[in-house]
Amino acid sequence: MTPDSRLDQLEPLMADVLQKVDRLIEGQGQLIELATSTKAGLEQVKATGDITANGLANLTTSMQQGLANVQRDIADLKTGQDLILQILREKLP
């Protein structure tokens, strides 16, 4: 076999191998892009979750304080009603 005929046999094989390597490199690049965009998406979801959790905690605290104020106002009203009833009982025969 001559060197030229050997080269003629090797060239298609090398071209095929190089084409497959190029496809593998391209596939790796696509995987890296996908992983990067997925990571960015997850970070956005995490940030949104953190904001939501903080908002919910603030709302819960605010509602608890509001409920405590309402309960205190109700207790004050009941005390006032009891005092009014006591005064009316003393004044009315």
N, C-alpha and C. Protein backbone atom coordinates (compact mmCIF):
# COMPACT_ATOMS: atom_id res chain seq x y z
N MET A 1 0.86 -1.16 0.00
CA MET A 1 0.00 0.00 0.00
C MET A 1 0.91 1.23 0.00
N THR A 2 0.53 2.16 -0.81
CA THR A 2 1.34 3.38 -0.94
C THR A 2 0.90 4.39 0.11
N PRO A 3 1.77 5.33 0.42
CA PRO A 3 1.38 6.36 1.39
C PRO A 3 0.17 7.15 0.94
N ASP A 4 0.03 7.38 -0.37
CA ASP A 4 -1.13 8.13 -0.86
C ASP A 4 -2.43 7.37 -0.65
N SER A 5 -2.40 6.06 -0.91
CA SER A 5 -3.63 5.26 -0.71
C SER A 5 -3.95 5.14 0.78
N ARG A 6 -2.94 5.07 1.60
CA ARG A 6 -3.15 5.03 3.05
C ARG A 6 -3.76 6.35 3.53
N LEU A 7 -3.26 7.45 2.99
CA LEU A 7 -3.80 8.77 3.33
C LEU A 7 -5.24 8.90 2.87
N ASP A 8 -5.55 8.35 1.70
CA ASP A 8 -6.92 8.38 1.19
C ASP A 8 -7.88 7.62 2.11
N GLN A 9 -7.38 6.58 2.78
CA GLN A 9 -8.21 5.82 3.72
C GLN A 9 -8.36 6.55 5.05
N LEU A 10 -7.31 7.21 5.47
CA LEU A 10 -7.32 7.87 6.78
C LEU A 10 -8.10 9.20 6.78
N GLU A 11 -8.07 9.91 5.66
CA GLU A 11 -8.72 11.22 5.62
C GLU A 11 -10.21 11.16 5.96
N PRO A 12 -10.99 10.25 5.37
CA PRO A 12 -12.41 10.20 5.73
C PRO A 12 -12.63 9.83 7.20
N LEU A 13 -11.79 8.93 7.73
CA LEU A 13 -11.92 8.54 9.14
C LEU A 13 -11.62 9.73 10.06
N MET A 14 -10.54 10.45 9.73
CA MET A 14 -10.18 11.62 10.55
C MET A 14 -11.26 12.70 10.47
N ALA A 15 -11.81 12.89 9.26
CA ALA A 15 -12.86 13.89 9.10
C ALA A 15 -14.08 13.51 9.93
N ASP A 16 -14.42 12.24 9.92
CA ASP A 16 -15.57 11.75 10.70
C ASP A 16 -15.33 11.94 12.20
N VAL A 17 -14.12 11.60 12.65
CA VAL A 17 -13.78 11.76 14.07
C VAL A 17 -13.83 13.23 14.47
N LEU A 18 -13.25 14.08 13.63
CA LEU A 18 -13.24 15.52 13.94
C LEU A 18 -14.66 16.09 13.96
N GLN A 19 -15.51 15.62 13.06
CA GLN A 19 -16.90 16.07 13.03
C GLN A 19 -17.62 15.66 14.32
N LYS A 20 -17.37 14.44 14.77
CA LYS A 20 -17.99 13.97 16.02
C LYS A 20 -17.47 14.76 17.21
N VAL A 21 -16.18 15.07 17.22
CA VAL A 21 -15.61 15.87 18.31
C VAL A 21 -16.25 17.27 18.32
N ASP A 22 -16.42 17.86 17.12
CA ASP A 22 -17.05 19.17 17.03
C ASP A 22 -18.48 19.13 17.57
N ARG A 23 -19.22 18.07 17.25
CA ARG A 23 -20.59 17.93 17.75
C ARG A 23 -20.60 17.78 19.27
N LEU A 24 -19.65 17.02 19.79
CA LEU A 24 -19.56 16.86 21.25
C LEU A 24 -19.26 18.20 21.93
N ILE A 25 -18.35 18.96 21.35
CA ILE A 25 -18.01 20.28 21.91
C ILE A 25 -19.23 21.20 21.86
N GLU A 26 -19.94 21.18 20.75
CA GLU A 26 -21.15 22.00 20.63
C GLU A 26 -22.20 21.57 21.65
N GLY A 27 -22.35 20.26 21.81
CA GLY A 27 -23.31 19.76 22.81
C GLY A 27 -22.93 20.17 24.22
N GLN A 28 -21.65 20.14 24.53
CA GLN A 28 -21.19 20.58 25.86
C GLN A 28 -21.49 22.06 26.07
N GLY A 29 -21.27 22.85 25.00
CA GLY A 29 -21.57 24.28 25.09
C GLY A 29 -23.05 24.52 25.36
N GLN A 30 -23.91 23.76 24.70
CA GLN A 30 -25.35 23.89 24.91
C GLN A 30 -25.72 23.48 26.33
N LEU A 31 -25.09 22.43 26.84
CA LEU A 31 -25.36 22.00 28.21
C LEU A 31 -24.93 23.08 29.21
N ILE A 32 -23.80 23.71 28.95
CA ILE A 32 -23.33 24.77 29.85
C ILE A 32 -24.30 25.95 29.81
N GLU A 33 -24.77 26.32 28.61
CA GLU A 33 -25.74 27.41 28.50
C GLU A 33 -27.03 27.07 29.25
N LEU A 34 -27.49 25.84 29.10
CA LEU A 34 -28.71 25.41 29.78
C LEU A 34 -28.53 25.44 31.30
N ALA A 35 -27.40 24.94 31.76
CA ALA A 35 -27.13 24.94 33.21
C ALA A 35 -27.05 26.36 33.74
N THR A 36 -26.42 27.26 32.98
CA THR A 36 -26.30 28.65 33.41
C THR A 36 -27.67 29.32 33.48
N SER A 37 -28.49 29.10 32.45
CA SER A 37 -29.82 29.73 32.46
C SER A 37 -30.71 29.12 33.55
N THR A 38 -30.55 27.83 33.79
CA THR A 38 -31.31 27.18 34.85
C THR A 38 -30.91 27.73 36.21
N LYS A 39 -29.61 27.92 36.40
CA LYS A 39 -29.13 28.49 37.66
C LYS A 39 -29.67 29.89 37.86
N ALA A 40 -29.67 30.69 36.81
CA ALA A 40 -30.20 32.05 36.90
C ALA A 40 -31.69 32.01 37.23
N GLY A 41 -32.41 31.08 36.61
CA GLY A 41 -33.84 30.94 36.91
C GLY A 41 -34.08 30.54 38.35
N LEU A 42 -33.27 29.62 38.86
CA LEU A 42 -33.41 29.18 40.25
C LEU A 42 -33.09 30.31 41.22
N GLU A 43 -32.08 31.11 40.87
CA GLU A 43 -31.76 32.25 41.74
C GLU A 43 -32.91 33.24 41.77
N GLN A 44 -33.58 33.45 40.63
CA GLN A 44 -34.74 34.35 40.58
C GLN A 44 -35.88 33.79 41.42
N VAL A 45 -36.10 32.48 41.31
CA VAL A 45 -37.16 31.85 42.11
C VAL A 45 -36.84 31.98 43.60
N LYS A 46 -35.57 31.79 43.96
CA LYS A 46 -35.16 31.92 45.36
C LYS A 46 -35.38 33.35 45.85
N ALA A 47 -34.99 34.32 45.03
CA ALA A 47 -35.17 35.72 45.41
C ALA A 47 -36.66 36.04 45.59
N THR A 48 -37.48 35.55 44.68
CA THR A 48 -38.92 35.76 44.78
C THR A 48 -39.48 35.08 46.03
N GLY A 49 -39.00 33.89 46.32
CA GLY A 49 -39.43 33.19 47.53
C GLY A 49 -39.03 33.93 48.79
N ASP A 50 -37.82 34.49 48.80
CA ASP A 50 -37.37 35.27 49.96
C ASP A 50 -38.24 36.50 50.16
N ILE A 51 -38.55 37.19 49.05
CA ILE A 51 -39.39 38.39 49.14
C ILE A 51 -40.77 38.01 49.65
N THR A 52 -41.31 36.91 49.14
CA THR A 52 -42.63 36.45 49.56
C THR A 52 -42.62 36.07 51.05
N ALA A 53 -41.58 35.37 51.48
CA ALA A 53 -41.49 34.96 52.88
C ALA A 53 -41.39 36.18 53.80
N ASN A 54 -40.59 37.17 53.40
CA ASN A 54 -40.47 38.39 54.21
C ASN A 54 -41.80 39.13 54.27
N GLY A 55 -42.47 39.23 53.12
CA GLY A 55 -43.77 39.89 53.09
C GLY A 55 -44.80 39.17 53.96
N LEU A 56 -44.79 37.86 53.90
CA LEU A 56 -45.72 37.08 54.71
C LEU A 56 -45.42 37.24 56.19
N ALA A 57 -44.14 37.26 56.55
CA ALA A 57 -43.76 37.46 57.95
C ALA A 57 -44.21 38.83 58.43
N ASN A 58 -43.99 39.85 57.60
CA ASN A 58 -44.43 41.21 57.98
C ASN A 58 -45.94 41.29 58.10
N LEU A 59 -46.65 40.65 57.17
CA LEU A 59 -48.11 40.65 57.23
C LEU A 59 -48.60 39.93 58.48
N THR A 60 -47.98 38.81 58.80
CA THR A 60 -48.37 38.06 60.00
C THR A 60 -48.17 38.91 61.26
N THR A 61 -47.02 39.56 61.34
CA THR A 61 -46.73 40.42 62.49
C THR A 61 -47.74 41.56 62.59
N SER A 62 -48.01 42.17 61.45
CA SER A 62 -48.97 43.28 61.41
C SER A 62 -50.36 42.81 61.83
N MET A 63 -50.77 41.66 61.33
CA MET A 63 -52.10 41.13 61.69
C MET A 63 -52.17 40.78 63.18
N GLN A 64 -51.09 40.23 63.73
CA GLN A 64 -51.08 39.90 65.15
C GLN A 64 -51.19 41.17 65.99
N GLN A 65 -50.47 42.22 65.59
CA GLN A 65 -50.54 43.48 66.32
C GLN A 65 -51.94 44.09 66.20
N GLY A 66 -52.51 44.03 65.00
CA GLY A 66 -53.87 44.54 64.80
C GLY A 66 -54.87 43.77 65.64
N LEU A 67 -54.75 42.46 65.69
CA LEU A 67 -55.66 41.64 66.50
C LEU A 67 -55.51 41.97 67.98
N ALA A 68 -54.28 42.15 68.42
CA ALA A 68 -54.06 42.52 69.83
C ALA A 68 -54.70 43.87 70.13
N ASN A 69 -54.60 44.82 69.21
CA ASN A 69 -55.24 46.13 69.41
C ASN A 69 -56.75 46.01 69.47
N VAL A 70 -57.33 45.19 68.58
CA VAL A 70 -58.78 45.00 68.57
C VAL A 70 -59.22 44.34 69.87
N GLN A 71 -58.48 43.35 70.33
CA GLN A 71 -58.84 42.68 71.58
C GLN A 71 -58.76 43.64 72.76
N ARG A 72 -57.74 44.50 72.74
CA ARG A 72 -57.60 45.49 73.81
C ARG A 72 -58.76 46.49 73.75
N ASP A 73 -59.14 46.92 72.55
CA ASP A 73 -60.27 47.84 72.40
C ASP A 73 -61.57 47.20 72.88
N ILE A 74 -61.76 45.93 72.57
CA ILE A 74 -62.96 45.22 73.02
C ILE A 74 -62.98 45.14 74.55
N ALA A 75 -61.83 44.84 75.14
CA ALA A 75 -61.75 44.78 76.60
C ALA A 75 -62.06 46.15 77.20
N ASP A 76 -61.54 47.21 76.59
CA ASP A 76 -61.83 48.57 77.08
C ASP A 76 -63.31 48.89 76.96
N LEU A 77 -63.92 48.49 75.84
CA LEU A 77 -65.36 48.72 75.66
C LEU A 77 -66.18 47.95 76.70
N LYS A 78 -65.77 46.73 76.96
CA LYS A 78 -66.50 45.92 77.95
C LYS A 78 -66.38 46.56 79.32
N THR A 79 -65.18 47.04 79.65
CA THR A 79 -64.98 47.72 80.94
C THR A 79 -65.87 48.96 81.02
N GLY A 80 -65.92 49.72 79.90
CA GLY A 80 -66.76 50.92 79.86
C GLY A 80 -68.23 50.57 79.99
N GLN A 81 -68.67 49.51 79.33
CA GLN A 81 -70.07 49.09 79.43
C GLN A 81 -70.40 48.67 80.86
N ASP A 82 -69.49 47.92 81.46
CA ASP A 82 -69.72 47.49 82.85
C ASP A 82 -69.83 48.69 83.77
N LEU A 83 -68.99 49.69 83.55
CA LEU A 83 -69.04 50.90 84.37
C LEU A 83 -70.35 51.65 84.15
N ILE A 84 -70.78 51.75 82.89
CA ILE A 84 -72.05 52.42 82.59
C ILE A 84 -73.21 51.68 83.25
N LEU A 85 -73.21 50.35 83.16
CA LEU A 85 -74.27 49.56 83.79
C LEU A 85 -74.27 49.75 85.31
N GLN A 86 -73.11 49.80 85.89
CA GLN A 86 -73.01 50.00 87.34
C GLN A 86 -73.56 51.37 87.72
N ILE A 87 -73.23 52.39 86.95
CA ILE A 87 -73.73 53.75 87.25
C ILE A 87 -75.25 53.80 87.07
N LEU A 88 -75.77 53.17 86.01
CA LEU A 88 -77.21 53.17 85.79
C LEU A 88 -77.93 52.43 86.91
N ARG A 89 -77.37 51.36 87.39
CA ARG A 89 -78.01 50.60 88.48
C ARG A 89 -78.06 51.44 89.76
N GLU A 90 -77.00 52.22 89.96
CA GLU A 90 -76.96 53.08 91.16
C GLU A 90 -77.93 54.24 91.04
N LYS A 91 -78.11 54.78 89.86
CA LYS A 91 -78.95 55.96 89.66
C LYS A 91 -80.42 55.62 89.49
N LEU A 92 -80.70 54.47 88.91
CA LEU A 92 -82.10 54.10 88.67
C LEU A 92 -82.61 53.28 89.85
N PRO A 93 -83.86 53.57 90.19
CA PRO A 93 -84.42 52.82 91.33
C PRO A 93 -84.75 51.38 91.00
